[in-house]
Amino acid sequence: QVQLVESGGGLVQPGGSLRLSCAAPGLTFSSYAMAWYRQAPGKERELVASISNLGVVTNYADSVKGRFTISRDNAKNTMYLQMDSLKPEDTAVYYCNRRGAALFLPWGQGTQVTVSS
């Protein structure tokens, strides 16, 4: 069974940066558009950014546009999220998955991002 493994989260001050990674061993990674999602305490999970299967097309939520960059390395079955100019409202657990609810794999444990001074 495919497992999604997120890493790279942590505690960072406002204005700081983090780079998240998503590994998907066992997935035919290059066949699927992928995405990052996040869930803040008391809120529903939301789409943050998505990337097409070959990495040509990317899309971002308005709240992160211009600050976050999604990328992928299909040779490594890995996706990344570079997060710059972080804000306290970016605090959440970040998850990766295939793009589109109908294609969701079982969710991984996610990686906690906390932005606080």
N, C-alpha and C. Protein backbone atom coordinates (compact mmCIF):
# COMPACT_ATOMS: atom_id res chain seq x y z
N GLN A 1 0.84 -1.18 0.00
CA GLN A 1 0.00 0.00 0.00
C GLN A 1 0.88 1.24 0.00
N VAL A 2 0.47 2.23 -0.76
CA VAL A 2 1.26 3.45 -0.87
C VAL A 2 1.16 4.23 0.44
N GLN A 3 2.31 4.69 0.90
CA GLN A 3 2.35 5.55 2.07
C GLN A 3 2.89 6.90 1.68
N LEU A 4 2.28 7.93 2.21
CA LEU A 4 2.74 9.29 2.01
C LEU A 4 3.48 9.72 3.28
N VAL A 5 4.68 10.24 3.10
CA VAL A 5 5.50 10.62 4.25
C VAL A 5 5.93 12.07 4.11
N GLU A 6 5.40 12.91 4.99
CA GLU A 6 5.74 14.32 4.99
C GLU A 6 6.82 14.61 6.02
N SER A 7 7.69 15.56 5.72
CA SER A 7 8.75 15.94 6.66
C SER A 7 9.17 17.38 6.40
N GLY A 8 9.94 17.92 7.32
CA GLY A 8 10.52 19.24 7.14
C GLY A 8 9.87 20.35 7.95
N GLY A 9 8.81 20.04 8.66
CA GLY A 9 8.16 21.06 9.46
C GLY A 9 8.98 21.46 10.67
N GLY A 10 8.48 22.44 11.40
CA GLY A 10 9.16 22.89 12.60
C GLY A 10 8.62 24.20 13.10
N LEU A 11 9.34 24.78 14.04
CA LEU A 11 9.00 26.08 14.61
C LEU A 11 9.87 27.13 13.95
N VAL A 12 9.25 28.17 13.46
CA VAL A 12 9.98 29.23 12.77
C VAL A 12 9.36 30.57 13.13
N GLN A 13 10.19 31.60 13.14
CA GLN A 13 9.69 32.94 13.42
C GLN A 13 8.99 33.53 12.20
N PRO A 14 8.07 34.45 12.43
CA PRO A 14 7.45 35.15 11.29
C PRO A 14 8.51 35.72 10.36
N GLY A 15 8.29 35.55 9.08
CA GLY A 15 9.25 35.98 8.08
C GLY A 15 10.27 34.93 7.71
N GLY A 16 10.29 33.84 8.43
CA GLY A 16 11.25 32.78 8.16
C GLY A 16 10.83 31.86 7.04
N SER A 17 11.63 30.82 6.83
CA SER A 17 11.41 29.88 5.73
C SER A 17 11.51 28.44 6.22
N LEU A 18 10.79 27.58 5.52
CA LEU A 18 10.89 26.14 5.71
C LEU A 18 10.73 25.47 4.36
N ARG A 19 11.30 24.28 4.25
CA ARG A 19 11.10 23.48 3.04
C ARG A 19 10.55 22.12 3.44
N LEU A 20 9.34 21.84 2.98
CA LEU A 20 8.70 20.57 3.28
C LEU A 20 8.98 19.58 2.16
N SER A 21 9.02 18.31 2.54
CA SER A 21 9.20 17.23 1.55
C SER A 21 8.08 16.22 1.71
N CYS A 22 7.72 15.62 0.60
CA CYS A 22 6.71 14.56 0.58
C CYS A 22 7.27 13.40 -0.22
N ALA A 23 7.46 12.28 0.44
CA ALA A 23 7.94 11.08 -0.23
C ALA A 23 6.78 10.13 -0.45
N ALA A 24 6.76 9.49 -1.59
CA ALA A 24 5.67 8.58 -1.93
C ALA A 24 6.21 7.28 -2.51
N PRO A 25 6.92 6.52 -1.72
CA PRO A 25 7.45 5.26 -2.23
C PRO A 25 6.32 4.30 -2.61
N GLY A 26 6.48 3.65 -3.72
CA GLY A 26 5.46 2.71 -4.16
C GLY A 26 4.41 3.31 -5.06
N LEU A 27 4.39 4.62 -5.18
CA LEU A 27 3.42 5.29 -6.04
C LEU A 27 4.05 5.52 -7.42
N THR A 28 3.24 5.31 -8.45
CA THR A 28 3.69 5.69 -9.79
C THR A 28 3.60 7.20 -9.87
N PHE A 29 4.58 7.82 -9.26
CA PHE A 29 4.51 9.24 -8.90
C PHE A 29 4.28 10.13 -10.11
N SER A 30 4.99 9.86 -11.18
CA SER A 30 4.93 10.75 -12.33
C SER A 30 3.60 10.69 -13.08
N SER A 31 2.73 9.80 -12.68
CA SER A 31 1.42 9.68 -13.34
C SER A 31 0.38 10.62 -12.78
N TYR A 32 0.68 11.24 -11.65
CA TYR A 32 -0.36 11.98 -10.93
C TYR A 32 0.01 13.42 -10.63
N ALA A 33 -1.00 14.28 -10.75
CA ALA A 33 -0.87 15.61 -10.16
C ALA A 33 -0.89 15.44 -8.64
N MET A 34 -0.10 16.22 -7.96
CA MET A 34 0.02 16.14 -6.51
C MET A 34 -0.28 17.50 -5.89
N ALA A 35 -0.49 17.49 -4.60
CA ALA A 35 -0.83 18.74 -3.94
C ALA A 35 -0.40 18.72 -2.48
N TRP A 36 -0.25 19.91 -1.95
CA TRP A 36 -0.07 20.12 -0.52
C TRP A 36 -1.38 20.66 0.05
N TYR A 37 -1.72 20.15 1.22
CA TYR A 37 -2.89 20.59 1.95
C TYR A 37 -2.45 20.95 3.36
N ARG A 38 -3.27 21.71 4.06
CA ARG A 38 -2.96 22.02 5.46
C ARG A 38 -4.23 22.10 6.27
N GLN A 39 -4.08 21.81 7.54
CA GLN A 39 -5.21 21.88 8.45
C GLN A 39 -4.77 22.57 9.73
N ALA A 40 -5.37 23.70 9.97
CA ALA A 40 -5.11 24.45 11.19
C ALA A 40 -6.08 23.99 12.28
N PRO A 41 -5.73 24.20 13.54
CA PRO A 41 -6.62 23.78 14.62
C PRO A 41 -8.01 24.38 14.47
N GLY A 42 -9.03 23.51 14.55
CA GLY A 42 -10.40 23.98 14.48
C GLY A 42 -10.89 24.33 13.09
N LYS A 43 -10.07 24.07 12.09
CA LYS A 43 -10.45 24.40 10.71
C LYS A 43 -10.42 23.16 9.83
N GLU A 44 -11.09 23.26 8.70
CA GLU A 44 -11.07 22.16 7.75
C GLU A 44 -9.76 22.15 6.97
N ARG A 45 -9.44 20.97 6.46
CA ARG A 45 -8.25 20.85 5.63
C ARG A 45 -8.45 21.66 4.34
N GLU A 46 -7.43 22.37 3.92
CA GLU A 46 -7.55 23.21 2.73
C GLU A 46 -6.39 22.94 1.78
N LEU A 47 -6.67 23.18 0.51
CA LEU A 47 -5.65 23.03 -0.52
C LEU A 47 -4.72 24.24 -0.49
N VAL A 48 -3.43 23.97 -0.47
CA VAL A 48 -2.43 25.04 -0.44
C VAL A 48 -1.83 25.27 -1.82
N ALA A 49 -1.40 24.18 -2.46
CA ALA A 49 -0.74 24.30 -3.76
C ALA A 49 -0.82 22.96 -4.46
N SER A 50 -0.83 22.99 -5.79
CA SER A 50 -0.86 21.76 -6.57
C SER A 50 0.12 21.86 -7.72
N ILE A 51 0.50 20.70 -8.24
CA ILE A 51 1.46 20.64 -9.33
C ILE A 51 1.08 19.50 -10.26
N SER A 52 1.16 19.75 -11.55
CA SER A 52 0.80 18.73 -12.53
C SER A 52 1.81 17.58 -12.50
N ASN A 53 1.48 16.50 -13.16
CA ASN A 53 2.29 15.29 -13.04
C ASN A 53 3.73 15.48 -13.49
N LEU A 54 3.96 16.33 -14.47
CA LEU A 54 5.32 16.57 -14.94
C LEU A 54 5.89 17.88 -14.41
N GLY A 55 5.14 18.53 -13.56
CA GLY A 55 5.66 19.74 -12.94
C GLY A 55 5.54 21.00 -13.76
N VAL A 56 4.78 20.93 -14.83
CA VAL A 56 4.70 22.10 -15.73
C VAL A 56 3.72 23.15 -15.20
N VAL A 57 2.63 22.69 -14.62
CA VAL A 57 1.58 23.60 -14.17
C VAL A 57 1.50 23.58 -12.65
N THR A 58 1.51 24.76 -12.07
CA THR A 58 1.35 24.88 -10.62
C THR A 58 0.22 25.86 -10.32
N ASN A 59 -0.42 25.63 -9.18
CA ASN A 59 -1.47 26.52 -8.73
C ASN A 59 -1.35 26.71 -7.22
N TYR A 60 -1.76 27.88 -6.76
CA TYR A 60 -1.61 28.21 -5.36
C TYR A 60 -2.88 28.84 -4.80
N ALA A 61 -3.12 28.60 -3.54
CA ALA A 61 -4.17 29.33 -2.85
C ALA A 61 -3.76 30.80 -2.79
N ASP A 62 -4.75 31.68 -2.82
CA ASP A 62 -4.44 33.10 -2.79
C ASP A 62 -3.64 33.48 -1.54
N SER A 63 -3.88 32.79 -0.46
CA SER A 63 -3.23 33.13 0.80
C SER A 63 -1.72 32.86 0.80
N VAL A 64 -1.24 32.03 -0.12
CA VAL A 64 0.18 31.70 -0.13
C VAL A 64 0.87 32.12 -1.43
N LYS A 65 0.12 32.64 -2.35
CA LYS A 65 0.67 33.00 -3.65
C LYS A 65 1.78 34.03 -3.48
N GLY A 66 2.91 33.79 -4.13
CA GLY A 66 4.04 34.70 -4.04
C GLY A 66 4.97 34.40 -2.88
N ARG A 67 4.56 33.52 -1.98
CA ARG A 67 5.39 33.16 -0.82
C ARG A 67 5.81 31.70 -0.83
N PHE A 68 4.96 30.84 -1.35
CA PHE A 68 5.24 29.40 -1.39
C PHE A 68 5.54 28.97 -2.81
N THR A 69 6.41 27.95 -2.94
CA THR A 69 6.73 27.39 -4.24
C THR A 69 6.67 25.87 -4.17
N ILE A 70 5.84 25.28 -5.00
CA ILE A 70 5.72 23.83 -5.05
C ILE A 70 6.58 23.30 -6.20
N SER A 71 7.21 22.16 -5.96
CA SER A 71 8.03 21.54 -7.00
C SER A 71 8.04 20.03 -6.77
N ARG A 72 8.59 19.31 -7.73
CA ARG A 72 8.65 17.86 -7.60
C ARG A 72 9.85 17.32 -8.34
N ASP A 73 10.30 16.15 -7.88
CA ASP A 73 11.39 15.42 -8.54
C ASP A 73 10.86 14.01 -8.76
N ASN A 74 10.39 13.75 -9.97
CA ASN A 74 9.77 12.45 -10.24
C ASN A 74 10.77 11.30 -10.16
N ALA A 75 12.02 11.58 -10.40
CA ALA A 75 13.03 10.52 -10.31
C ALA A 75 13.19 10.04 -8.86
N LYS A 76 12.87 10.92 -7.93
CA LYS A 76 12.99 10.59 -6.51
C LYS A 76 11.64 10.33 -5.86
N ASN A 77 10.56 10.36 -6.65
CA ASN A 77 9.22 10.19 -6.09
C ASN A 77 8.98 11.14 -4.92
N THR A 78 9.40 12.37 -5.08
CA THR A 78 9.35 13.34 -4.00
C THR A 78 8.80 14.68 -4.49
N MET A 79 8.03 15.30 -3.62
CA MET A 79 7.48 16.63 -3.89
C MET A 79 7.94 17.56 -2.78
N TYR A 80 8.04 18.83 -3.09
CA TYR A 80 8.54 19.81 -2.12
C TYR A 80 7.59 21.00 -2.02
N LEU A 81 7.68 21.69 -0.90
CA LEU A 81 7.01 22.97 -0.73
C LEU A 81 7.98 23.92 -0.03
N GLN A 82 8.48 24.87 -0.80
CA GLN A 82 9.33 25.91 -0.24
C GLN A 82 8.43 27.02 0.28
N MET A 83 8.54 27.30 1.56
CA MET A 83 7.69 28.29 2.20
C MET A 83 8.55 29.44 2.70
N ASP A 84 8.35 30.61 2.15
CA ASP A 84 9.08 31.80 2.53
C ASP A 84 8.13 32.84 3.11
N SER A 85 8.69 33.82 3.79
CA SER A 85 7.89 34.90 4.39
C SER A 85 6.72 34.34 5.19
N LEU A 86 7.02 33.38 6.01
CA LEU A 86 5.96 32.70 6.76
C LEU A 86 5.27 33.64 7.73
N LYS A 87 3.97 33.40 7.90
CA LYS A 87 3.13 34.20 8.77
C LYS A 87 2.52 33.30 9.85
N PRO A 88 2.13 33.87 10.96
CA PRO A 88 1.49 33.05 12.00
C PRO A 88 0.27 32.28 11.47
N GLU A 89 -0.45 32.85 10.53
CA GLU A 89 -1.62 32.17 9.98
C GLU A 89 -1.27 30.98 9.10
N ASP A 90 0.00 30.76 8.83
CA ASP A 90 0.43 29.57 8.11
C ASP A 90 0.58 28.37 9.05
N THR A 91 0.45 28.60 10.33
CA THR A 91 0.57 27.52 11.31
C THR A 91 -0.51 26.46 11.06
N ALA A 92 -0.08 25.23 10.88
CA ALA A 92 -0.99 24.13 10.56
C ALA A 92 -0.19 22.85 10.44
N VAL A 93 -0.91 21.75 10.34
CA VAL A 93 -0.29 20.50 9.94
C VAL A 93 -0.40 20.41 8.42
N TYR A 94 0.72 20.16 7.77
CA TYR A 94 0.77 20.11 6.32
C TYR A 94 0.82 18.66 5.85
N TYR A 95 -0.01 18.38 4.85
CA TYR A 95 -0.11 17.04 4.29
C TYR A 95 0.09 17.10 2.77
N CYS A 96 0.51 15.98 2.22
CA CYS A 96 0.54 15.87 0.77
C CYS A 96 -0.40 14.74 0.35
N ASN A 97 -0.85 14.82 -0.87
CA ASN A 97 -1.71 13.78 -1.43
C ASN A 97 -1.86 14.03 -2.91
N ARG A 98 -2.53 13.10 -3.57
CA ARG A 98 -2.83 13.33 -4.97
C ARG A 98 -3.81 14.48 -5.08
N ARG A 99 -3.83 15.15 -6.19
CA ARG A 99 -4.70 16.28 -6.42
C ARG A 99 -6.08 15.75 -6.78
N GLY A 100 -7.08 16.14 -5.98
CA GLY A 100 -8.44 15.73 -6.28
C GLY A 100 -8.94 14.70 -5.30
N ALA A 101 -10.08 15.01 -4.67
CA ALA A 101 -10.61 14.15 -3.60
C ALA A 101 -10.86 12.72 -4.06
N ALA A 102 -11.26 12.57 -5.31
CA ALA A 102 -11.57 11.23 -5.81
C ALA A 102 -10.33 10.35 -5.91
N LEU A 103 -9.16 10.96 -5.84
CA LEU A 103 -7.91 10.21 -6.00
C LEU A 103 -7.11 10.13 -4.71
N PHE A 104 -7.67 10.60 -3.61
CA PHE A 104 -6.92 10.64 -2.36
C PHE A 104 -6.44 9.25 -1.97
N LEU A 105 -5.20 9.21 -1.54
CA LEU A 105 -4.63 8.04 -0.88
C LEU A 105 -4.84 8.21 0.63
N PRO A 106 -4.64 7.15 1.41
CA PRO A 106 -4.72 7.33 2.87
C PRO A 106 -3.77 8.44 3.31
N TRP A 107 -4.25 9.30 4.18
CA TRP A 107 -3.43 10.43 4.60
C TRP A 107 -2.27 9.98 5.46
N GLY A 108 -1.13 10.66 5.27
CA GLY A 108 0.02 10.43 6.13
C GLY A 108 -0.16 11.15 7.45
N GLN A 109 0.89 11.16 8.24
CA GLN A 109 0.83 11.81 9.55
C GLN A 109 0.95 13.32 9.44
N GLY A 110 1.43 13.81 8.33
CA GLY A 110 1.60 15.24 8.17
C GLY A 110 2.85 15.73 8.89
N THR A 111 3.14 17.01 8.69
CA THR A 111 4.27 17.63 9.37
C THR A 111 3.81 18.97 9.92
N GLN A 112 4.10 19.20 11.18
CA GLN A 112 3.62 20.40 11.88
C GLN A 112 4.49 21.60 11.53
N VAL A 113 3.85 22.67 11.13
CA VAL A 113 4.53 23.95 10.91
C VAL A 113 3.94 24.95 11.90
N THR A 114 4.80 25.54 12.69
CA THR A 114 4.38 26.54 13.68
C THR A 114 5.17 27.81 13.43
N VAL A 115 4.44 28.88 13.20
CA VAL A 115 5.07 30.17 12.95
C VAL A 115 4.74 31.08 14.14
N SER A 116 5.76 31.38 14.91
CA SER A 116 5.53 32.13 16.14
C SER A 116 6.83 32.79 16.58
N SER A 117 6.69 33.95 17.19
CA SER A 117 7.85 34.63 17.75
C SER A 117 8.04 34.25 19.21
